[in-house]
Amino acid sequence: MEPPNWENVVDDFYAPVYRFGLALTRNEADAADLTQQAFYLLAAKGHQLRDAGKIKAWLFTSLYREFLGQKRRESRFIDIEDPAESSTAQTALATDVIVKLDGAIAHKALLSLNENHRAPLALFYLQQHSYTEIAEILNIPVGTVMSRISRGKLKLRKLLASRIDEGSVTD
């Protein structure tokens, strides 16, 4: 396989890979780090890729695996973040969300779902991947992808409905 044109690869795939990272991490800096790591891995190990048409799936899979590895490493340590500082940042974000469009409210609700539902929903609806591609990226069966998307949509609907019933679209 001939080496890819890196400029085209970055232009074509950086934004969707970053958005997927953001959907997983809920943090811009962490999403940027994961995205850069995925591209670094492609540069370092991309020669092993047999089909150049699979670069997009390879990037998404690499990002997801890095995310899982990062989560495993973080679970070994105690978080010492100042809760008052975190609460202030969340309050500022919640206030900002009120003035955003409905799409931003739905996106925030999506981010509040657990990873098992958030990742397949983000890949399907935000990145327009097929069930087969999602199964390949997340390394799970296609049936599991379909089930998680279905259950994730139900949870998302209930979450949005409960926020409407409460008269609150924040947090």
N, C-alpha and C. Protein backbone atom coordinates (compact mmCIF):
# COMPACT_ATOMS: atom_id res chain seq x y z
N MET A 1 0.85 -1.19 0.00
CA MET A 1 0.00 0.00 0.00
C MET A 1 0.88 1.24 0.00
N GLU A 2 0.56 2.18 -0.84
CA GLU A 2 1.33 3.43 -0.88
C GLU A 2 0.90 4.31 0.28
N PRO A 3 1.83 5.14 0.78
CA PRO A 3 1.50 5.99 1.92
C PRO A 3 0.39 6.99 1.57
N PRO A 4 -0.48 7.25 2.53
CA PRO A 4 -1.58 8.19 2.26
C PRO A 4 -1.08 9.62 2.16
N ASN A 5 -1.85 10.44 1.50
CA ASN A 5 -1.56 11.88 1.47
C ASN A 5 -2.04 12.44 2.80
N TRP A 6 -1.10 12.74 3.70
CA TRP A 6 -1.44 13.12 5.07
C TRP A 6 -2.31 14.36 5.14
N GLU A 7 -2.05 15.30 4.27
CA GLU A 7 -2.85 16.53 4.29
C GLU A 7 -4.32 16.22 4.00
N ASN A 8 -4.57 15.35 3.03
CA ASN A 8 -5.95 14.97 2.70
C ASN A 8 -6.58 14.17 3.84
N VAL A 9 -5.82 13.27 4.43
CA VAL A 9 -6.35 12.46 5.54
C VAL A 9 -6.77 13.36 6.69
N VAL A 10 -5.92 14.31 7.05
CA VAL A 10 -6.25 15.21 8.15
C VAL A 10 -7.44 16.09 7.79
N ASP A 11 -7.44 16.65 6.58
CA ASP A 11 -8.55 17.50 6.15
C ASP A 11 -9.87 16.74 6.15
N ASP A 12 -9.84 15.49 5.70
CA ASP A 12 -11.07 14.70 5.57
C ASP A 12 -11.59 14.16 6.90
N PHE A 13 -10.69 13.81 7.82
CA PHE A 13 -11.13 13.04 8.98
C PHE A 13 -10.92 13.69 10.34
N TYR A 14 -10.18 14.79 10.42
CA TYR A 14 -9.91 15.35 11.74
C TYR A 14 -11.20 15.77 12.46
N ALA A 15 -12.05 16.53 11.80
CA ALA A 15 -13.26 17.04 12.46
C ALA A 15 -14.18 15.92 12.94
N PRO A 16 -14.51 14.92 12.10
CA PRO A 16 -15.40 13.86 12.61
C PRO A 16 -14.77 13.02 13.72
N VAL A 17 -13.47 12.78 13.64
CA VAL A 17 -12.80 12.01 14.70
C VAL A 17 -12.80 12.81 15.99
N TYR A 18 -12.53 14.11 15.90
CA TYR A 18 -12.56 14.98 17.08
C TYR A 18 -13.96 15.00 17.70
N ARG A 19 -15.01 15.13 16.88
CA ARG A 19 -16.37 15.17 17.42
C ARG A 19 -16.71 13.87 18.15
N PHE A 20 -16.24 12.74 17.61
CA PHE A 20 -16.46 11.47 18.29
C PHE A 20 -15.72 11.46 19.63
N GLY A 21 -14.50 11.95 19.64
CA GLY A 21 -13.74 12.03 20.88
C GLY A 21 -14.43 12.92 21.90
N LEU A 22 -15.00 14.03 21.43
CA LEU A 22 -15.71 14.94 22.31
C LEU A 22 -16.97 14.28 22.87
N ALA A 23 -17.66 13.52 22.04
CA ALA A 23 -18.85 12.82 22.53
C ALA A 23 -18.49 11.79 23.60
N LEU A 24 -17.33 11.19 23.48
CA LEU A 24 -16.92 10.19 24.48
C LEU A 24 -16.40 10.84 25.76
N THR A 25 -15.56 11.84 25.62
CA THR A 25 -14.87 12.39 26.80
C THR A 25 -15.62 13.50 27.50
N ARG A 26 -16.47 14.22 26.75
CA ARG A 26 -17.19 15.38 27.28
C ARG A 26 -16.23 16.51 27.66
N ASN A 27 -15.04 16.50 27.09
CA ASN A 27 -14.04 17.50 27.43
C ASN A 27 -13.22 17.81 26.17
N GLU A 28 -13.15 19.09 25.82
CA GLU A 28 -12.48 19.48 24.57
C GLU A 28 -11.00 19.12 24.57
N ALA A 29 -10.31 19.36 25.66
CA ALA A 29 -8.87 19.07 25.72
C ALA A 29 -8.61 17.57 25.60
N ASP A 30 -9.40 16.76 26.31
CA ASP A 30 -9.23 15.31 26.22
C ASP A 30 -9.57 14.81 24.82
N ALA A 31 -10.60 15.38 24.21
CA ALA A 31 -10.97 14.99 22.85
C ALA A 31 -9.84 15.32 21.87
N ALA A 32 -9.25 16.50 22.03
CA ALA A 32 -8.14 16.89 21.16
C ALA A 32 -6.94 15.95 21.36
N ASP A 33 -6.66 15.59 22.62
CA ASP A 33 -5.56 14.66 22.90
C ASP A 33 -5.81 13.30 22.26
N LEU A 34 -7.02 12.78 22.41
CA LEU A 34 -7.35 11.48 21.82
C LEU A 34 -7.26 11.54 20.29
N THR A 35 -7.73 12.63 19.71
CA THR A 35 -7.69 12.77 18.26
C THR A 35 -6.25 12.79 17.77
N GLN A 36 -5.41 13.56 18.44
CA GLN A 36 -4.00 13.60 18.05
C GLN A 36 -3.34 12.25 18.21
N GLN A 37 -3.70 11.53 19.26
CA GLN A 37 -3.14 10.19 19.47
C GLN A 37 -3.57 9.25 18.36
N ALA A 38 -4.82 9.34 17.93
CA ALA A 38 -5.30 8.49 16.84
C ALA A 38 -4.52 8.78 15.55
N PHE A 39 -4.29 10.04 15.26
CA PHE A 39 -3.53 10.39 14.05
C PHE A 39 -2.06 9.99 14.20
N TYR A 40 -1.52 10.10 15.40
CA TYR A 40 -0.15 9.66 15.63
C TYR A 40 -0.03 8.16 15.38
N LEU A 41 -0.99 7.40 15.90
CA LEU A 41 -0.98 5.95 15.69
C LEU A 41 -1.09 5.61 14.21
N LEU A 42 -1.89 6.38 13.49
CA LEU A 42 -2.01 6.15 12.05
C LEU A 42 -0.66 6.40 11.36
N ALA A 43 0.02 7.46 11.77
CA ALA A 43 1.33 7.76 11.18
C ALA A 43 2.35 6.68 11.53
N ALA A 44 2.28 6.19 12.77
CA ALA A 44 3.25 5.21 13.23
C ALA A 44 2.96 3.80 12.73
N LYS A 45 1.69 3.44 12.66
CA LYS A 45 1.33 2.06 12.34
C LYS A 45 0.45 1.92 11.11
N GLY A 46 0.18 3.03 10.44
CA GLY A 46 -0.71 3.00 9.28
C GLY A 46 -0.22 2.13 8.15
N HIS A 47 1.08 1.87 8.11
CA HIS A 47 1.63 1.01 7.06
C HIS A 47 1.07 -0.41 7.16
N GLN A 48 0.54 -0.78 8.33
CA GLN A 48 -0.04 -2.11 8.53
C GLN A 48 -1.44 -2.21 7.93
N LEU A 49 -2.03 -1.07 7.61
CA LEU A 49 -3.38 -1.03 7.05
C LEU A 49 -3.35 -1.54 5.62
N ARG A 50 -4.13 -2.57 5.33
CA ARG A 50 -4.11 -3.19 4.00
C ARG A 50 -4.99 -2.45 2.99
N ASP A 51 -6.06 -1.84 3.48
CA ASP A 51 -7.02 -1.18 2.59
C ASP A 51 -7.09 0.30 2.94
N ALA A 52 -6.62 1.15 2.04
CA ALA A 52 -6.61 2.60 2.29
C ALA A 52 -8.01 3.15 2.50
N GLY A 53 -9.02 2.46 2.01
CA GLY A 53 -10.40 2.89 2.20
C GLY A 53 -10.89 2.74 3.63
N LYS A 54 -10.11 2.07 4.45
CA LYS A 54 -10.51 1.83 5.84
C LYS A 54 -9.84 2.79 6.82
N ILE A 55 -9.21 3.84 6.31
CA ILE A 55 -8.52 4.78 7.20
C ILE A 55 -9.49 5.40 8.20
N LYS A 56 -10.68 5.79 7.76
CA LYS A 56 -11.64 6.43 8.66
C LYS A 56 -12.02 5.49 9.80
N ALA A 57 -12.37 4.26 9.47
CA ALA A 57 -12.74 3.29 10.50
C ALA A 57 -11.55 3.02 11.42
N TRP A 58 -10.35 2.98 10.86
CA TRP A 58 -9.15 2.74 11.66
C TRP A 58 -8.95 3.87 12.66
N LEU A 59 -9.14 5.11 12.23
CA LEU A 59 -8.98 6.26 13.12
C LEU A 59 -10.01 6.22 14.25
N PHE A 60 -11.27 5.93 13.92
CA PHE A 60 -12.32 5.87 14.94
C PHE A 60 -12.04 4.75 15.93
N THR A 61 -11.60 3.60 15.41
CA THR A 61 -11.30 2.47 16.28
C THR A 61 -10.12 2.79 17.19
N SER A 62 -9.09 3.41 16.63
CA SER A 62 -7.91 3.78 17.44
C SER A 62 -8.29 4.76 18.53
N LEU A 63 -9.11 5.76 18.19
CA LEU A 63 -9.54 6.74 19.19
C LEU A 63 -10.33 6.05 20.29
N TYR A 64 -11.23 5.17 19.92
CA TYR A 64 -12.06 4.48 20.91
C TYR A 64 -11.20 3.61 21.82
N ARG A 65 -10.24 2.90 21.26
CA ARG A 65 -9.36 2.06 22.08
C ARG A 65 -8.50 2.91 23.02
N GLU A 66 -8.02 4.03 22.54
CA GLU A 66 -7.26 4.94 23.39
C GLU A 66 -8.13 5.47 24.53
N PHE A 67 -9.39 5.78 24.21
CA PHE A 67 -10.34 6.26 25.23
C PHE A 67 -10.52 5.19 26.31
N LEU A 68 -10.73 3.94 25.89
CA LEU A 68 -10.91 2.86 26.86
C LEU A 68 -9.66 2.67 27.71
N GLY A 69 -8.49 2.74 27.09
CA GLY A 69 -7.24 2.61 27.84
C GLY A 69 -7.07 3.73 28.84
N GLN A 70 -7.42 4.94 28.42
CA GLN A 70 -7.34 6.10 29.30
C GLN A 70 -8.29 5.94 30.49
N LYS A 71 -9.49 5.45 30.21
CA LYS A 71 -10.47 5.22 31.28
C LYS A 71 -9.97 4.19 32.28
N ARG A 72 -9.35 3.12 31.78
CA ARG A 72 -8.80 2.09 32.67
C ARG A 72 -7.70 2.67 33.55
N ARG A 73 -6.82 3.47 32.96
CA ARG A 73 -5.74 4.08 33.74
C ARG A 73 -6.30 5.03 34.80
N GLU A 74 -7.30 5.83 34.42
CA GLU A 74 -7.88 6.79 35.36
C GLU A 74 -8.61 6.11 36.50
N SER A 75 -9.17 4.93 36.26
CA SER A 75 -9.92 4.24 37.32
C SER A 75 -9.00 3.75 38.43
N ARG A 76 -7.70 3.73 38.16
CA ARG A 76 -6.74 3.29 39.18
C ARG A 76 -6.37 4.40 40.16
N PHE A 77 -6.74 5.63 39.85
CA PHE A 77 -6.35 6.77 40.67
C PHE A 77 -7.57 7.49 41.21
N ILE A 78 -7.39 8.16 42.35
CA ILE A 78 -8.46 8.93 42.97
C ILE A 78 -8.45 10.33 42.37
N ASP A 79 -9.63 10.83 42.03
CA ASP A 79 -9.75 12.17 41.47
C ASP A 79 -9.67 13.18 42.61
N ILE A 80 -8.73 14.13 42.51
CA ILE A 80 -8.56 15.12 43.58
C ILE A 80 -9.01 16.51 43.14
N GLU A 81 -9.80 16.57 42.08
CA GLU A 81 -10.29 17.85 41.59
C GLU A 81 -11.14 18.53 42.64
N ASP A 82 -10.99 19.83 42.77
CA ASP A 82 -11.75 20.60 43.74
C ASP A 82 -13.22 20.64 43.32
N PRO A 83 -14.14 20.04 44.11
CA PRO A 83 -15.54 19.99 43.72
C PRO A 83 -16.17 21.38 43.56
N ALA A 84 -15.75 22.35 44.36
CA ALA A 84 -16.32 23.70 44.24
C ALA A 84 -15.95 24.30 42.90
N GLU A 85 -14.73 24.10 42.46
CA GLU A 85 -14.28 24.60 41.17
C GLU A 85 -15.05 23.95 40.04
N SER A 86 -15.23 22.64 40.13
CA SER A 86 -15.97 21.88 39.13
C SER A 86 -17.43 22.33 39.08
N SER A 87 -18.02 22.53 40.23
CA SER A 87 -19.42 22.95 40.31
C SER A 87 -19.62 24.32 39.68
N THR A 88 -18.68 25.23 39.92
CA THR A 88 -18.76 26.57 39.33
C THR A 88 -18.71 26.49 37.81
N ALA A 89 -17.82 25.65 37.30
CA ALA A 89 -17.69 25.50 35.84
C ALA A 89 -18.97 24.89 35.27
N GLN A 90 -19.55 23.91 35.96
CA GLN A 90 -20.78 23.29 35.48
C GLN A 90 -21.94 24.28 35.51
N THR A 91 -22.00 25.13 36.51
CA THR A 91 -23.06 26.13 36.60
C THR A 91 -22.95 27.12 35.46
N ALA A 92 -21.74 27.56 35.16
CA ALA A 92 -21.53 28.49 34.04
C ALA A 92 -21.93 27.84 32.73
N LEU A 93 -21.59 26.56 32.57
CA LEU A 93 -21.97 25.84 31.35
C LEU A 93 -23.48 25.70 31.26
N ALA A 94 -24.12 25.36 32.37
CA ALA A 94 -25.57 25.19 32.38
C ALA A 94 -26.28 26.49 32.00
N THR A 95 -25.79 27.61 32.50
CA THR A 95 -26.37 28.91 32.18
C THR A 95 -26.22 29.20 30.69
N ASP A 96 -25.08 28.85 30.13
CA ASP A 96 -24.83 29.07 28.71
C ASP A 96 -25.75 28.20 27.84
N VAL A 97 -26.05 26.99 28.29
CA VAL A 97 -26.88 26.06 27.52
C VAL A 97 -28.30 26.59 27.34
N ILE A 98 -28.78 27.34 28.31
CA ILE A 98 -30.14 27.86 28.25
C ILE A 98 -30.34 28.69 27.00
N VAL A 99 -29.33 29.43 26.60
CA VAL A 99 -29.47 30.30 25.44
C VAL A 99 -29.13 29.61 24.12
N LYS A 100 -28.75 28.34 24.17
CA LYS A 100 -28.41 27.60 22.95
C LYS A 100 -29.67 27.06 22.28
N LEU A 101 -29.50 26.58 21.05
CA LEU A 101 -30.60 25.97 20.30
C LEU A 101 -30.96 24.61 20.86
N ASP A 102 -32.10 24.07 20.41
CA ASP A 102 -32.53 22.75 20.86
C ASP A 102 -31.48 21.68 20.59
N GLY A 103 -30.73 21.82 19.52
CA GLY A 103 -29.69 20.85 19.20
C GLY A 103 -28.64 20.77 20.29
N ALA A 104 -28.31 21.90 20.87
CA ALA A 104 -27.32 21.91 21.95
C ALA A 104 -27.87 21.21 23.19
N ILE A 105 -29.15 21.38 23.44
CA ILE A 105 -29.78 20.72 24.59
C ILE A 105 -29.77 19.21 24.39
N ALA A 106 -30.10 18.78 23.18
CA ALA A 106 -30.09 17.35 22.88
C ALA A 106 -28.67 16.79 22.96
N HIS A 107 -27.71 17.57 22.50
CA HIS A 107 -26.32 17.13 22.55
C HIS A 107 -25.87 16.96 24.00
N LYS A 108 -26.25 17.88 24.84
CA LYS A 108 -25.89 17.79 26.27
C LYS A 108 -26.55 16.55 26.89
N ALA A 109 -27.79 16.30 26.53
CA ALA A 109 -28.46 15.11 27.04
C ALA A 109 -27.74 13.85 26.56
N LEU A 110 -27.29 13.86 25.32
CA LEU A 110 -26.53 12.73 24.79
C LEU A 110 -25.27 12.51 25.61
N LEU A 111 -24.59 13.58 25.95
CA LEU A 111 -23.36 13.47 26.72
C LEU A 111 -23.59 12.94 28.14
N SER A 112 -24.82 13.06 28.63
CA SER A 112 -25.11 12.57 29.98
C SER A 112 -25.37 11.06 30.01
N LEU A 113 -25.55 10.45 28.84
CA LEU A 113 -25.75 9.00 28.80
C LEU A 113 -24.45 8.28 29.11
N ASN A 114 -24.57 7.02 29.55
CA ASN A 114 -23.35 6.26 29.80
C ASN A 114 -22.69 5.90 28.47
N GLU A 115 -21.43 5.56 28.55
CA GLU A 115 -20.62 5.33 27.36
C GLU A 115 -21.18 4.23 26.45
N ASN A 116 -21.75 3.18 27.03
CA ASN A 116 -22.28 2.08 26.21
C ASN A 116 -23.36 2.54 25.23
N HIS A 117 -24.11 3.55 25.60
CA HIS A 117 -25.14 4.07 24.71
C HIS A 117 -24.65 5.30 23.95
N ARG A 118 -23.83 6.11 24.59
CA ARG A 118 -23.36 7.36 23.99
C ARG A 118 -22.51 7.11 22.75
N ALA A 119 -21.57 6.17 22.82
CA ALA A 119 -20.66 5.93 21.70
C ALA A 119 -21.40 5.46 20.44
N PRO A 120 -22.26 4.44 20.53
CA PRO A 120 -22.97 4.03 19.30
C PRO A 120 -23.90 5.12 18.76
N LEU A 121 -24.59 5.84 19.65
CA LEU A 121 -25.47 6.92 19.18
C LEU A 121 -24.68 8.01 18.48
N ALA A 122 -23.55 8.39 19.05
CA ALA A 122 -22.72 9.44 18.45
C ALA A 122 -22.19 8.98 17.09
N LEU A 123 -21.74 7.74 17.01
CA LEU A 123 -21.22 7.25 15.73
C LEU A 123 -22.33 7.16 14.67
N PHE A 124 -23.52 6.77 15.09
CA PHE A 124 -24.62 6.59 14.14
C PHE A 124 -25.21 7.93 13.70
N TYR A 125 -25.57 8.76 14.66
CA TYR A 125 -26.28 10.00 14.33
C TYR A 125 -25.37 11.19 14.02
N LEU A 126 -24.26 11.30 14.71
CA LEU A 126 -23.38 12.45 14.49
C LEU A 126 -22.34 12.19 13.41
N GLN A 127 -21.92 10.94 13.25
CA GLN A 127 -20.88 10.62 12.27
C GLN A 127 -21.40 9.82 11.08
N GLN A 128 -22.67 9.44 11.09
CA GLN A 128 -23.32 8.71 10.01
C GLN A 128 -22.61 7.41 9.63
N HIS A 129 -22.14 6.67 10.64
CA HIS A 129 -21.56 5.35 10.39
C HIS A 129 -22.68 4.32 10.31
N SER A 130 -22.45 3.27 9.55
CA SER A 130 -23.42 2.17 9.47
C SER A 130 -23.29 1.30 10.71
N TYR A 131 -24.27 0.42 10.92
CA TYR A 131 -24.21 -0.50 12.05
C TYR A 131 -22.94 -1.35 11.97
N THR A 132 -22.62 -1.81 10.78
CA THR A 132 -21.44 -2.65 10.58
C THR A 132 -20.16 -1.90 10.93
N GLU A 133 -20.06 -0.66 10.49
CA GLU A 133 -18.88 0.15 10.81
C GLU A 133 -18.77 0.39 12.31
N ILE A 134 -19.90 0.67 12.94
CA ILE A 134 -19.89 0.90 14.40
C ILE A 134 -19.46 -0.37 15.12
N ALA A 135 -19.97 -1.51 14.69
CA ALA A 135 -19.58 -2.78 15.30
C ALA A 135 -18.08 -2.99 15.17
N GLU A 136 -17.53 -2.65 14.03
CA GLU A 136 -16.09 -2.79 13.80
C GLU A 136 -15.30 -1.82 14.69
N ILE A 137 -15.75 -0.58 14.77
CA ILE A 137 -15.05 0.43 15.57
C ILE A 137 -15.07 0.08 17.05
N LEU A 138 -16.23 -0.33 17.55
CA LEU A 138 -16.38 -0.61 18.98
C LEU A 138 -16.04 -2.06 19.34
N ASN A 139 -15.77 -2.87 18.31
CA ASN A 139 -15.43 -4.27 18.49
C ASN A 139 -16.52 -5.03 19.26
N ILE A 140 -17.76 -4.85 18.81
CA ILE A 140 -18.92 -5.54 19.38
C ILE A 140 -19.77 -6.07 18.22
N PRO A 141 -20.65 -7.04 18.47
CA PRO A 141 -21.50 -7.56 17.40
C PRO A 141 -22.50 -6.52 16.88
N VAL A 142 -22.91 -6.67 15.63
CA VAL A 142 -23.86 -5.74 15.02
C VAL A 142 -25.17 -5.71 15.81
N GLY A 143 -25.63 -6.86 16.27
CA GLY A 143 -26.86 -6.92 17.06
C GLY A 143 -26.76 -6.09 18.33
N THR A 144 -25.60 -6.10 18.95
CA THR A 144 -25.38 -5.31 20.15
C THR A 144 -25.42 -3.82 19.82
N VAL A 145 -24.86 -3.46 18.66
CA VAL A 145 -24.91 -2.06 18.21
C VAL A 145 -26.36 -1.62 18.07
N MET A 146 -27.15 -2.44 17.38
CA MET A 146 -28.56 -2.09 17.15
C MET A 146 -29.31 -1.97 18.48
N SER A 147 -29.04 -2.88 19.39
CA SER A 147 -29.69 -2.86 20.70
C SER A 147 -29.30 -1.62 21.50
N ARG A 148 -28.02 -1.29 21.49
CA ARG A 148 -27.55 -0.13 22.26
C ARG A 148 -28.08 1.17 21.67
N ILE A 149 -28.18 1.25 20.35
CA ILE A 149 -28.74 2.45 19.74
C ILE A 149 -30.21 2.57 20.11
N SER A 150 -30.94 1.47 20.03
CA SER A 150 -32.36 1.49 20.37
C SER A 150 -32.58 1.88 21.83
N ARG A 151 -31.85 1.24 22.73
CA ARG A 151 -31.99 1.55 24.16
C ARG A 151 -31.49 2.96 24.46
N GLY A 152 -30.44 3.37 23.79
CA GLY A 152 -29.91 4.72 23.99
C GLY A 152 -30.91 5.78 23.57
N LYS A 153 -31.61 5.54 22.44
CA LYS A 153 -32.64 6.49 21.99
C LYS A 153 -33.76 6.58 23.02
N LEU A 154 -34.17 5.44 23.58
CA LEU A 154 -35.22 5.45 24.59
C LEU A 154 -34.78 6.24 25.82
N LYS A 155 -33.57 6.01 26.27
CA LYS A 155 -33.06 6.73 27.44
C LYS A 155 -32.96 8.23 27.16
N LEU A 156 -32.52 8.55 25.95
CA LEU A 156 -32.40 9.95 25.56
C LEU A 156 -33.77 10.62 25.53
N ARG A 157 -34.77 9.95 24.97
CA ARG A 157 -36.14 10.50 24.94
C ARG A 157 -36.67 10.73 26.35
N LYS A 158 -36.48 9.73 27.23
CA LYS A 158 -36.96 9.86 28.61
C LYS A 158 -36.25 11.01 29.32
N LEU A 159 -34.97 11.13 29.09
CA LEU A 159 -34.20 12.20 29.72
C LEU A 159 -34.69 13.56 29.26
N LEU A 160 -34.89 13.71 27.97
CA LEU A 160 -35.38 15.00 27.44
C LEU A 160 -36.81 15.28 27.90
N ALA A 161 -37.65 14.24 27.94
CA ALA A 161 -39.03 14.42 28.40
C ALA A 161 -39.07 14.82 29.86
N SER A 162 -38.20 14.21 30.68
CA SER A 162 -38.20 14.56 32.11
C SER A 162 -37.72 15.99 32.31
N ARG A 163 -36.80 16.43 31.48
CA ARG A 163 -36.33 17.83 31.59
C ARG A 163 -37.41 18.80 31.18
N ILE A 164 -38.21 18.44 30.20
CA ILE A 164 -39.31 19.29 29.78
C ILE A 164 -40.37 19.33 30.88
N ASP A 165 -40.68 18.16 31.45
CA ASP A 165 -41.68 18.08 32.53
C ASP A 165 -41.25 18.91 33.73
N GLU A 166 -39.95 18.91 34.03
CA GLU A 166 -39.44 19.67 35.16
C GLU A 166 -39.38 21.16 34.84
N GLY A 167 -39.51 21.48 33.57
CA GLY A 167 -39.40 22.89 33.16
C GLY A 167 -37.98 23.37 33.15
N SER A 168 -37.05 22.41 33.10
CA SER A 168 -35.64 22.77 33.15
C SER A 168 -34.91 22.05 32.02
N VAL A 169 -34.08 22.78 31.33
CA VAL A 169 -33.26 22.19 30.29
C VAL A 169 -31.79 22.21 30.68
N THR A 170 -31.50 22.63 31.88
CA THR A 170 -30.12 22.64 32.34
C THR A 170 -29.87 21.45 33.21
N ASP A 171 -28.60 21.03 33.17
CA ASP A 171 -28.13 19.89 33.95
C ASP A 171 -29.13 18.83 33.94
